[in-house]
Structure formats: C-alpha cells, structure tokens
Protein backbone atom coordinates (compact mmCIF):
# COMPACT_ATOMS: atom_id res chain seq x y z
CA UNK A 1 -10.68 -10.32 -15.96
CA UNK A 2 -9.03 -9.48 -12.64
CA UNK A 3 -10.04 -9.91 -9.05
CA UNK A 4 -13.01 -7.88 -7.82
CA UNK A 5 -12.19 -4.36 -6.64
CA UNK A 6 -12.07 -4.01 -2.89
CA UNK A 7 -13.63 -0.84 -1.48
CA UNK A 8 -13.10 0.62 1.96
CA UNK A 9 -15.44 0.07 4.84
CA UNK A 10 -14.32 1.52 8.15
CA UNK A 11 -13.75 -0.86 11.04
CA UNK A 12 -13.18 1.19 14.18
CA UNK A 13 -9.64 0.99 15.55
CA UNK A 14 -8.14 -0.78 12.56
CA UNK A 15 -5.23 0.33 10.43
CA UNK A 16 -6.42 1.46 7.00
CA UNK A 17 -4.15 0.46 4.11
CA UNK A 18 -4.26 1.31 0.41
CA UNK A 19 -2.52 -1.24 -1.78
CA UNK A 20 -1.74 0.51 -5.06
CA UNK A 21 -0.85 -1.78 -7.92
CA UNK A 22 -1.91 -2.19 -11.52
CA UNK A 23 -1.84 -5.97 -10.98
CA UNK A 24 -5.30 -6.96 -9.68
CA UNK A 25 -4.16 -10.44 -8.63
CA UNK A 26 -1.25 -9.03 -6.65
CA UNK A 27 -3.59 -6.56 -4.92
CA UNK A 28 -6.07 -9.32 -4.13
CA UNK A 29 -3.40 -11.60 -2.64
CA UNK A 30 -1.83 -8.77 -0.64
CA UNK A 31 -5.26 -7.71 0.66
CA UNK A 32 -6.06 -11.28 1.78
CA UNK A 33 -2.78 -11.48 3.70
CA UNK A 34 -3.21 -8.12 5.39
CA UNK A 35 -6.88 -8.69 6.24
CA UNK A 36 -5.91 -12.02 7.79
CA UNK A 37 -3.70 -10.01 10.17
CA UNK A 38 -6.48 -7.59 11.08
CA UNK A 39 -5.82 -4.69 8.73
CA UNK A 40 -8.51 -2.88 6.73
CA UNK A 41 -7.35 -2.95 3.10
CA UNK A 42 -8.50 -1.10 0.01
CA UNK A 43 -7.06 -1.95 -3.40
CA UNK A 44 -6.68 0.14 -6.52
CA UNK A 45 -5.95 -1.39 -9.89
CA UNK A 46 -5.14 1.78 -11.81
CA UNK A 47 -3.22 4.96 -11.18
CA UNK A 48 -6.38 7.05 -11.43
CA UNK A 49 -8.18 4.72 -9.04
CA UNK A 50 -5.31 5.10 -6.54
CA UNK A 51 -5.52 8.90 -6.82
CA UNK A 52 -9.29 8.80 -6.35
CA UNK A 53 -9.00 6.50 -3.33
CA UNK A 54 -6.37 8.70 -1.67
CA UNK A 55 -8.49 11.80 -2.21
CA UNK A 56 -11.71 10.16 -1.00
CA UNK A 57 -10.53 8.28 2.09
CA UNK A 58 -8.01 8.66 4.90
CA UNK A 59 -5.47 5.86 4.92
CA UNK A 60 -2.81 5.12 7.53
CA UNK A 61 -0.52 3.26 5.11
CA UNK A 62 0.15 3.37 1.37
CA UNK A 63 1.76 0.23 -0.07
CA UNK A 64 3.10 0.10 -3.61
CA UNK A 65 5.80 -1.72 -5.51
CA UNK A 66 7.40 -2.47 -8.82
CA UNK A 67 4.16 -2.43 -10.84
CA UNK A 68 4.12 1.39 -10.73
CA UNK A 69 6.60 3.68 -12.49
CA UNK A 70 8.85 5.95 -10.40
CA UNK A 71 7.06 9.20 -11.36
CA UNK A 72 3.67 7.71 -10.41
CA UNK A 73 5.06 6.59 -7.05
CA UNK A 74 6.21 10.16 -6.37
CA UNK A 75 2.81 11.54 -7.39
CA UNK A 76 0.88 9.10 -5.20
CA UNK A 77 3.26 9.62 -2.28
CA UNK A 78 2.88 13.41 -2.52
CA UNK A 79 -0.89 13.17 -2.63
CA UNK A 80 -0.92 10.67 0.25
CA UNK A 81 1.35 12.85 2.40
CA UNK A 82 -0.79 15.92 1.71
CA UNK A 83 -3.83 14.03 3.04
CA UNK A 84 -2.05 12.38 5.98
CA UNK A 85 1.33 13.76 6.97
CA UNK A 86 1.60 11.09 9.69
CA UNK A 87 0.77 8.24 7.31
CA UNK A 88 3.40 5.68 6.36
CA UNK A 89 4.51 4.66 2.88
CA UNK A 90 5.88 1.17 2.38
CA UNK A 91 7.46 0.23 -0.90
CA UNK A 92 7.80 -3.39 -2.03
CA UNK A 93 11.17 -3.83 -3.78
CA UNK A 94 11.72 -6.56 -6.39
CA UNK A 95 15.08 -7.54 -4.87
CA UNK A 96 17.35 -6.63 -1.95
CA UNK A 97 19.57 -4.72 -4.39
CA UNK A 98 16.85 -2.54 -5.90
CA UNK A 99 16.63 1.11 -4.91
CA UNK A 100 13.45 2.69 -3.68
CA UNK A 101 11.43 4.71 -6.20
CA UNK A 102 10.76 7.58 -3.82
CA UNK A 103 11.30 8.29 -0.15
CA UNK A 104 9.25 5.60 1.62
CA UNK A 105 9.13 5.19 5.37
CA UNK A 106 10.11 1.55 4.91
CA UNK A 107 10.86 -1.00 2.23
CA UNK A 108 10.13 -4.71 2.03
CA UNK A 109 11.69 -7.14 -0.45
CA UNK A 110 8.98 -8.93 -2.43
CA UNK A 111 10.40 -12.40 -1.75
CA UNK A 112 10.07 -11.66 1.99
CA UNK A 113 6.73 -9.89 1.62
CA UNK A 114 4.21 -12.10 3.44
CA UNK A 115 5.82 -11.93 6.86
CA UNK A 116 7.94 -8.83 6.43
CA UNK A 117 5.14 -6.61 5.17
CA UNK A 118 2.93 -7.28 8.19
CA UNK A 119 5.78 -6.77 10.65
CA UNK A 120 7.01 -3.63 8.88
CA UNK A 121 3.54 -2.06 9.00
CA UNK A 122 3.22 -2.84 12.70
CA UNK A 123 6.68 -1.47 13.47
CA UNK A 124 6.16 1.75 11.52
CA UNK A 125 2.82 2.40 13.17
CA UNK A 126 4.11 1.43 16.60
CA UNK A 127 1.46 -1.21 17.15
C-alpha cells in the first residue's frame, strides 16, 4: 500500500507541478518538499495516471526520474509539451554521470534533489 494519491487543486498564482513516478513513496516525499516551498504539486503513480493528469490539467512543470523508462519519458514529455509549450521539464538523474532520458529543460542529480530541485524549478520559471 503506497501513499495516498495527491490530486490537483488550483491555488491562484502558484506554480503547478506534476511529479511522475511509479514509486508512490518517492512522489509523496517530493510533493511534501515542493509544497513546503510553496508549489502546487500533483502526483501520479502510474504511466496511465500521468497521461491522464497531463491531459486533464495544465501544469507548469513536469518532474520525472529514473523510475520511468526512456520511451515513457519521451511520451510524457511530448504530451506535456503539446499541452504547454512554455512548460518546463525537469529530470532527476540517478548520478552526475547519467545521461538524460529525453530533452529536459534541466536536470537535477537525485543526491542533490532536495535543495537543487527547488532552485532549479525557480530558475527555469524565472521566479
């Protein structure tokens, strides 16, 4: 049994983030961190759930990492970009030597994630 699914609720003026991972605990932890810093976060614990979320809601940022296969990352990125061409994709890499799975706007190394992810989102969105 994983963490409860987090669904979007719009807070005016906040950055909307979709955390796409098949690891519910990872999503839950990432969402707590990002919410603590004022972001509005939705999680998806399956590939289909991520697709459904992207199609149903407008997100400013898509975050994914090593829990998703390369072809799924490309699919989600394409769908995300078709919904929001100005949106930013941030990929969490397992190590500094890993290569990105698609063409993200930014990457963050998982060991640096807590502070780096927040700063990277802010930098990419110019806020």
